[in-house]
Amino acid sequence: MNDNAFSCQTTCPYCGVGCGVRVTGADAQSLQVEGDSSHPANLGRLCSKGS
């Protein structure tokens, strides 16, 4: 990754479960969204709404 790379842990807003989501990217044009494996609600998995 370059100097502008970032990683952020957040919560999926699409339902009431509150699954953990990890967002990483090199810039605002290139993002990767994946389930947060350390979050107890979803254990790294995402439904079709969250992905």
Foldseek 3Di string as FASTA:
>chain_A
DDPQKDKDWAFQPPDDLTFIWIWIDPDPVGIDIWGDLVDPSANTHDDPSRD
